[in-house]
N, C-alpha and C. Protein backbone atom coordinates (compact mmCIF):
# COMPACT_ATOMS: atom_id res chain seq x y z
N MET A 1 -4.79 2.69 -14.29
CA MET A 1 -5.28 1.34 -14.47
C MET A 1 -4.11 0.37 -14.36
N HIS A 2 -4.34 -0.77 -13.84
CA HIS A 2 -3.34 -1.78 -13.59
C HIS A 2 -3.73 -3.04 -14.35
N ASP A 3 -2.81 -3.93 -14.62
CA ASP A 3 -3.13 -5.18 -15.32
C ASP A 3 -4.26 -5.93 -14.64
N LEU A 4 -4.37 -5.80 -13.33
CA LEU A 4 -5.38 -6.51 -12.56
C LEU A 4 -6.68 -5.72 -12.45
N GLY A 5 -6.74 -4.57 -13.08
CA GLY A 5 -7.92 -3.72 -12.98
C GLY A 5 -7.64 -2.53 -12.09
N GLU A 6 -8.68 -1.81 -11.80
CA GLU A 6 -8.53 -0.63 -10.95
C GLU A 6 -8.63 -1.03 -9.48
N CYS A 7 -7.77 -0.50 -8.67
CA CYS A 7 -7.75 -0.82 -7.25
C CYS A 7 -9.02 -0.27 -6.59
N PRO A 8 -9.70 -1.08 -5.79
CA PRO A 8 -10.91 -0.62 -5.11
C PRO A 8 -10.69 0.61 -4.23
N ALA A 9 -9.49 0.76 -3.70
CA ALA A 9 -9.22 1.93 -2.86
C ALA A 9 -9.31 3.23 -3.66
N ALA A 10 -9.04 3.14 -4.94
CA ALA A 10 -9.06 4.32 -5.80
C ALA A 10 -10.47 4.79 -6.13
N THR A 11 -11.45 3.94 -5.90
CA THR A 11 -12.82 4.29 -6.30
C THR A 11 -13.82 4.28 -5.15
N LEU A 12 -13.40 3.90 -3.97
CA LEU A 12 -14.32 3.77 -2.83
C LEU A 12 -14.57 5.13 -2.18
N GLY A 13 -15.68 5.74 -2.52
CA GLY A 13 -16.00 7.09 -2.08
C GLY A 13 -16.35 7.23 -0.61
N LYS A 14 -16.73 6.15 0.06
CA LYS A 14 -17.12 6.24 1.47
C LYS A 14 -15.99 6.75 2.36
N LEU A 15 -14.77 6.59 1.92
CA LEU A 15 -13.62 7.03 2.73
C LEU A 15 -12.91 8.23 2.10
N ASP A 16 -13.60 8.91 1.21
CA ASP A 16 -13.02 10.09 0.57
C ASP A 16 -12.65 11.13 1.62
N GLY A 17 -11.43 11.62 1.54
CA GLY A 17 -10.96 12.64 2.46
C GLY A 17 -10.26 12.12 3.69
N VAL A 18 -10.38 10.83 3.97
CA VAL A 18 -9.70 10.26 5.14
C VAL A 18 -8.20 10.42 4.96
N HIS A 19 -7.56 10.95 5.96
CA HIS A 19 -6.11 11.22 5.96
C HIS A 19 -5.71 12.11 4.79
N GLY A 20 -6.64 12.93 4.31
CA GLY A 20 -6.36 13.86 3.22
C GLY A 20 -6.28 13.20 1.86
N GLY A 21 -6.78 11.96 1.75
CA GLY A 21 -6.70 11.24 0.49
C GLY A 21 -7.96 11.31 -0.33
N ARG A 22 -7.82 10.87 -1.56
CA ARG A 22 -8.96 10.80 -2.47
C ARG A 22 -9.55 9.40 -2.40
N ASN A 23 -10.87 9.32 -2.26
CA ASN A 23 -11.56 8.05 -2.06
C ASN A 23 -10.91 7.32 -0.88
N ALA A 24 -10.50 6.07 -1.04
CA ALA A 24 -9.88 5.36 0.09
C ALA A 24 -8.37 5.24 -0.10
N GLY A 25 -7.80 6.13 -0.88
CA GLY A 25 -6.38 6.05 -1.22
C GLY A 25 -5.42 6.10 -0.06
N ARG A 26 -5.82 6.76 1.02
CA ARG A 26 -4.94 6.82 2.20
C ARG A 26 -5.55 6.06 3.38
N ALA A 27 -6.35 5.05 3.03
CA ALA A 27 -6.93 4.14 4.03
C ALA A 27 -7.11 2.76 3.40
N CYS A 28 -6.23 2.43 2.48
CA CYS A 28 -6.36 1.21 1.68
C CYS A 28 -6.34 -0.07 2.51
N TRP A 29 -5.76 -0.03 3.69
CA TRP A 29 -5.63 -1.22 4.52
C TRP A 29 -6.96 -1.76 5.01
N VAL A 30 -8.02 -0.99 4.94
CA VAL A 30 -9.33 -1.50 5.37
C VAL A 30 -10.21 -1.92 4.19
N VAL A 31 -9.70 -1.78 2.98
CA VAL A 31 -10.47 -2.08 1.78
C VAL A 31 -10.12 -3.48 1.27
N ALA A 32 -11.11 -4.32 1.13
CA ALA A 32 -10.89 -5.67 0.61
C ALA A 32 -10.55 -5.62 -0.88
N GLY A 33 -9.68 -6.53 -1.29
CA GLY A 33 -9.36 -6.68 -2.70
C GLY A 33 -8.47 -5.62 -3.31
N THR A 34 -7.73 -4.91 -2.46
CA THR A 34 -6.82 -3.89 -3.01
C THR A 34 -5.68 -4.55 -3.78
N LEU A 35 -5.04 -3.76 -4.61
CA LEU A 35 -3.92 -4.25 -5.40
C LEU A 35 -2.62 -3.81 -4.74
N CYS A 36 -1.86 -4.76 -4.29
CA CYS A 36 -0.62 -4.44 -3.59
C CYS A 36 0.41 -5.52 -3.91
N GLY A 37 1.59 -5.08 -4.20
CA GLY A 37 2.65 -6.04 -4.49
C GLY A 37 2.38 -6.86 -5.75
N GLY A 38 1.61 -6.29 -6.67
CA GLY A 38 1.34 -6.98 -7.91
C GLY A 38 0.29 -8.07 -7.84
N LYS A 39 -0.47 -8.11 -6.72
CA LYS A 39 -1.51 -9.12 -6.61
C LYS A 39 -2.72 -8.56 -5.87
N ILE A 40 -3.83 -9.21 -6.07
CA ILE A 40 -5.06 -8.80 -5.40
C ILE A 40 -5.03 -9.31 -3.96
N GLN A 41 -5.28 -8.41 -3.04
CA GLN A 41 -5.29 -8.75 -1.62
C GLN A 41 -6.67 -9.26 -1.21
N GLY A 42 -6.74 -9.87 -0.06
CA GLY A 42 -8.00 -10.44 0.42
C GLY A 42 -8.80 -9.48 1.28
N THR A 43 -9.53 -10.04 2.20
CA THR A 43 -10.37 -9.27 3.11
C THR A 43 -9.50 -8.54 4.12
N PHE A 44 -10.11 -7.60 4.82
CA PHE A 44 -9.40 -6.87 5.86
C PHE A 44 -8.78 -7.84 6.86
N ALA A 45 -9.54 -8.80 7.32
CA ALA A 45 -9.06 -9.74 8.34
C ALA A 45 -7.83 -10.52 7.86
N ARG A 46 -7.78 -10.82 6.60
CA ARG A 46 -6.66 -11.60 6.06
C ARG A 46 -5.43 -10.75 5.75
N LYS A 47 -5.63 -9.49 5.45
CA LYS A 47 -4.50 -8.68 4.98
C LYS A 47 -3.95 -7.69 6.00
N TYR A 48 -4.70 -7.39 7.05
CA TYR A 48 -4.32 -6.29 7.94
C TYR A 48 -2.96 -6.48 8.60
N ASP A 49 -2.61 -7.69 8.97
CA ASP A 49 -1.29 -7.90 9.58
C ASP A 49 -0.17 -7.50 8.62
N ASP A 50 -0.34 -7.81 7.34
CA ASP A 50 0.65 -7.39 6.33
C ASP A 50 0.63 -5.87 6.16
N CYS A 51 -0.56 -5.29 6.17
CA CYS A 51 -0.68 -3.84 5.98
C CYS A 51 0.01 -3.06 7.11
N LYS A 52 -0.07 -3.57 8.31
CA LYS A 52 0.53 -2.87 9.45
C LYS A 52 2.04 -2.73 9.35
N VAL A 53 2.67 -3.56 8.55
CA VAL A 53 4.12 -3.46 8.37
C VAL A 53 4.49 -2.83 7.02
N CYS A 54 3.48 -2.40 6.27
CA CYS A 54 3.69 -1.76 4.98
C CYS A 54 4.26 -0.35 5.16
N ASP A 55 5.21 0.01 4.32
CA ASP A 55 5.82 1.34 4.40
C ASP A 55 4.79 2.45 4.20
N PHE A 56 3.83 2.26 3.30
CA PHE A 56 2.81 3.28 3.06
C PHE A 56 1.94 3.47 4.30
N TYR A 57 1.50 2.40 4.91
CA TYR A 57 0.71 2.47 6.14
C TYR A 57 1.48 3.25 7.21
N LYS A 58 2.73 2.90 7.40
CA LYS A 58 3.56 3.57 8.40
C LYS A 58 3.73 5.06 8.08
N LYS A 59 3.87 5.38 6.78
CA LYS A 59 4.01 6.77 6.36
C LYS A 59 2.76 7.57 6.71
N VAL A 60 1.59 7.02 6.37
CA VAL A 60 0.33 7.72 6.67
C VAL A 60 0.19 7.89 8.18
N GLN A 61 0.46 6.85 8.92
CA GLN A 61 0.36 6.91 10.38
C GLN A 61 1.28 7.99 10.95
N LYS A 62 2.49 8.06 10.45
CA LYS A 62 3.45 9.06 10.92
C LYS A 62 3.01 10.47 10.55
N GLU A 63 2.55 10.66 9.31
CA GLU A 63 2.12 11.98 8.85
C GLU A 63 0.88 12.47 9.61
N GLU A 64 -0.02 11.57 9.89
CA GLU A 64 -1.28 11.95 10.53
C GLU A 64 -1.17 12.10 12.05
N ARG A 65 -0.24 11.38 12.63
CA ARG A 65 -0.03 11.40 14.09
C ARG A 65 -1.34 11.30 14.87
N MET A 66 -1.71 12.35 15.56
CA MET A 66 -2.91 12.33 16.41
C MET A 66 -4.20 12.32 15.59
N ASN A 67 -4.14 12.62 14.32
CA ASN A 67 -5.33 12.62 13.46
C ASN A 67 -5.51 11.30 12.72
N PHE A 68 -4.65 10.34 13.00
CA PHE A 68 -4.75 9.05 12.34
C PHE A 68 -6.06 8.37 12.74
N VAL A 69 -6.84 7.95 11.74
CA VAL A 69 -8.12 7.30 11.99
C VAL A 69 -7.89 5.80 12.02
N PHE A 70 -8.22 5.19 13.14
CA PHE A 70 -7.96 3.76 13.33
C PHE A 70 -8.89 2.90 12.49
N ALA A 71 -8.43 1.69 12.21
CA ALA A 71 -9.16 0.76 11.34
C ALA A 71 -10.58 0.50 11.83
N THR A 72 -10.80 0.42 13.12
CA THR A 72 -12.15 0.14 13.62
C THR A 72 -13.13 1.24 13.21
N ILE A 73 -12.68 2.48 13.25
CA ILE A 73 -13.52 3.61 12.84
C ILE A 73 -13.76 3.56 11.34
N LEU A 74 -12.71 3.29 10.58
CA LEU A 74 -12.83 3.23 9.12
C LEU A 74 -13.76 2.10 8.69
N LEU A 75 -13.64 0.95 9.34
CA LEU A 75 -14.53 -0.17 9.01
C LEU A 75 -15.98 0.17 9.32
N GLY A 76 -16.20 0.92 10.39
CA GLY A 76 -17.55 1.37 10.70
C GLY A 76 -18.11 2.25 9.60
N ARG A 77 -17.29 3.12 9.07
CA ARG A 77 -17.73 3.98 7.95
C ARG A 77 -18.05 3.16 6.71
N LEU A 78 -17.23 2.16 6.46
CA LEU A 78 -17.45 1.30 5.29
C LEU A 78 -18.77 0.53 5.40
N ASN A 79 -19.07 0.10 6.60
CA ASN A 79 -20.25 -0.75 6.81
C ASN A 79 -21.52 0.02 7.10
N SER A 80 -21.43 1.32 7.23
CA SER A 80 -22.63 2.12 7.52
C SER A 80 -23.38 2.42 6.22
N PRO A 81 -24.70 2.55 6.32
CA PRO A 81 -25.44 2.93 5.12
C PRO A 81 -25.09 4.36 4.74
N GLU A 82 -25.12 4.64 3.48
CA GLU A 82 -24.78 5.99 3.02
C GLU A 82 -25.90 6.88 3.30
């Protein structure tokens, strides 16, 4: 738990297992309202440029290589009915 509450990436089950993570933990860049840098982030459209230069994003991308799931696919999963 964080002073700002629980990060939505930690509880978003629709992306569970993506990049080997729990919930959306390894796909946080597509989740609105995540907690990063001590503040609540905005929508995907507002935050993605910052996320692309984030060390964690780069780490996941490097580790996953050819298995890296692009944001467009992840957003489709988020917006699809369960």
